[in-house]
C-alpha atoms as a PDB file:
ATOM      1  CA  MET A   1       4.298  -5.824   3.744  1.00  0.00           C
ATOM      2  CA  MET A   2       6.499  -8.939   3.955  1.00  0.00           C
ATOM      3  CA  VAL A   3       9.704  -6.923   4.241  1.00  0.00           C
ATOM      4  CA  MET A   4       8.149  -4.674   6.868  1.00  0.00           C
ATOM      5  CA  GLY A   5       7.715  -7.541   9.305  1.00  0.00           C
ATOM      6  CA  ILE A   6      11.187  -8.974   8.727  1.00  0.00           C
ATOM      7  CA  VAL A   7      13.394  -5.874   8.576  1.00  0.00           C
ATOM      8  CA  SER A   8      11.977  -2.543   9.640  1.00  0.00           C
ATOM      9  CA  LEU A   9       9.683  -3.307  12.558  1.00  0.00           C
ATOM     10  CA  PRO A  10      11.999  -5.584  14.586  1.00  0.00           C
ATOM     11  CA  GLY A  11      14.718  -2.951  14.187  1.00  0.00           C
ATOM     12  CA  MET A  12      12.350  -0.279  15.489  1.00  0.00           C
ATOM     13  CA  MET A  13      11.337  -2.444  18.446  1.00  0.00           C
ATOM     14  CA  THR A  14      14.968  -3.260  19.252  1.00  0.00           C
ATOM     15  CA  GLY A  15      15.851   0.425  19.120  1.00  0.00           C
ATOM     16  CA  GLN A  16      13.080   1.245  21.576  1.00  0.00           C
ATOM     17  CA  MET A  17      14.192  -1.463  23.990  1.00  0.00           C
ATOM     18  CA  LEU A  18      17.822  -0.335  23.773  1.00  0.00           C
ATOM     19  CA  ALA A  19      16.623   3.196  24.550  1.00  0.00           C
ATOM     20  CA  GLY A  20      15.004   1.934  27.745  1.00  0.00           C
ATOM     21  CA  ALA A  21      11.367   1.323  26.805  1.00  0.00           C
ATOM     22  CA  ALA A  22       9.539  -1.636  28.295  1.00  0.00           C
ATOM     23  CA  PRO A  23       9.361  -4.639  25.936  1.00  0.00           C
ATOM     24  CA  ALA A  24       5.547  -4.792  26.161  1.00  0.00           C
ATOM     25  CA  SER A  25       5.324  -1.122  25.227  1.00  0.00           C
ATOM     26  CA  ALA A  26       7.737  -1.600  22.309  1.00  0.00           C
ATOM     27  CA  VAL A  27       5.717  -4.560  20.977  1.00  0.00           C
ATOM     28  CA  ARG A  28       2.452  -2.629  21.350  1.00  0.00           C
ATOM     29  CA  TYR A  29       3.943   0.310  19.447  1.00  0.00           C
ATOM     30  CA  GLN A  30       5.191  -2.070  16.746  1.00  0.00           C
ATOM     31  CA  ILE A  31       1.723  -3.577  16.284  1.00  0.00           C
ATOM     32  CA  VAL A  32       0.051  -0.156  16.062  1.00  0.00           C
ATOM     33  CA  ILE A  33       2.539   1.043  13.420  1.00  0.00           C
ATOM     34  CA  MET A  34       2.090  -2.161  11.406  1.00  0.00           C
ATOM     35  CA  PHE A  35      -1.708  -1.794  11.438  1.00  0.00           C
ATOM     36  CA  MET A  36      -1.413   1.867  10.403  1.00  0.00           C
ATOM     37  CA  ILE A  37       0.814   0.990   7.445  1.00  0.00           C
ATOM     38  CA  ALA A  38      -1.516  -1.850   6.407  1.00  0.00           C
ATOM     39  CA  ALA A  39      -4.560   0.440   6.660  1.00  0.00           C
ATOM     40  CA  ALA A  40      -2.876   3.148   4.600  1.00  0.00           C
ATOM     41  CA  THR A  41      -1.959   0.579   1.940  1.00  0.00           C
ATOM     42  CA  ALA A  42      -5.508  -0.783   1.839  1.00  0.00           C
ATOM     43  CA  LEU A  43      -7.054   2.695   1.635  1.00  0.00           C
ATOM     44  CA  GLY A  44      -4.668   3.691  -1.152  1.00  0.00           C
ATOM     45  CA  ALA A  45      -5.446   0.564  -3.172  1.00  0.00           C
ATOM     46  CA  PHE A  46      -9.193   1.014  -2.626  1.00  0.00           C
ATOM     47  CA  GLY A  47      -8.974   4.660  -3.698  1.00  0.00           C
ATOM     48  CA  ALA A  48      -7.092   3.778  -6.894  1.00  0.00           C
ATOM     49  CA  VAL A  49      -9.645   1.092  -7.780  1.00  0.00           C
ATOM     50  CA  MET A  50     -12.586   3.428  -7.130  1.00  0.00           C
ATOM     51  CA  LEU A  51     -11.067   6.223  -9.234  1.00  0.00           C
ATOM     52  CA  ALA A  52     -10.466   3.795 -12.097  1.00  0.00           C
ATOM     53  CA  PHE A  53     -13.993   2.414 -11.740  1.00  0.00           C
ATOM     54  CA  ARG A  54     -15.552   5.886 -11.902  1.00  0.00           C
ATOM     55  CA  ALA A  55     -13.457   6.774 -14.949  1.00  0.00           C
ATOM     56  CA  LEU A  56     -14.041   3.550 -16.897  1.00  0.00           C
ATOM     57  CA  PHE A  57     -17.695   2.697 -16.197  1.00  0.00           C
ATOM     58  CA  SER A  58     -20.923   4.555 -16.922  1.00  0.00           C
ATOM     59  CA  ALA A  59     -23.764   5.190 -14.468  1.00  0.00           C
ATOM     60  CA  ARG A  60     -25.397   2.009 -15.799  1.00  0.00           C
ATOM     61  CA  HIS A  61     -22.228  -0.014 -14.975  1.00  0.00           C
ATOM     62  CA  GLN A  62     -21.249  -0.425 -18.605  1.00  0.00           C
ATOM     63  CA  LEU A  63     -17.579  -0.422 -19.583  1.00  0.00           C
ATOM     64  CA  ARG A  64     -16.694   2.744 -21.484  1.00  0.00           C
ATOM     65  CA  GLY A  65     -14.339   1.264 -24.066  1.00  0.00           C
ATOM     66  CA  GLU A  66     -13.573   4.630 -25.650  1.00  0.00           C
ATOM     67  CA  ARG A  67     -11.901   5.715 -22.424  1.00  0.00           C
ATOM     68  CA  LEU A  68      -9.324   2.943 -22.690  1.00  0.00           C
ATOM     69  CA  ARG A  69      -6.254   3.607 -24.756  1.00  0.00           C
ATOM     70  CA  MET A  70      -3.681   1.282 -26.235  1.00  0.00           C
ATOM     71  CA  VAL A  71      -0.099   1.648 -25.084  1.00  0.00           C
ATOM     72  CA  HIS A  72       2.179   0.664 -27.931  1.00  0.00           C
ATOM     73  CA  ALA A  73       5.464  -1.042 -27.221  1.00  0.00           C
ATOM     74  CA  ALA A  74       8.586   0.933 -28.054  1.00  0.00           C
ATOM     75  CA  LYS A  75       9.945   0.167 -31.503  1.00  0.00           C
ATOM     76  CA  PRO A  76      13.437  -1.340 -31.546  1.00  0.00           C
ATOM     77  CA  ALA A  77      16.223   1.024 -32.607  1.00  0.00           C
ATOM     78  CA  ARG A  78      17.696   0.390 -36.052  1.00  0.00           C
END
């Protein structure tokens, strides 16, 4: 999200103004696109958390430890 505001969106707005769009229209379009990207990021994160919650907790909100698995570190080559 930090890079989006510094690099991609000002370039998009500049491109619109160079193409002949009104500056107010270009800024409005930039704000709408930024909110859409932020909303998609938030919905994706919320969906991932909810899927993990449903998989790892019982109906009584107890952690299902047997559903967790250990990931072992790779052994160094000899």
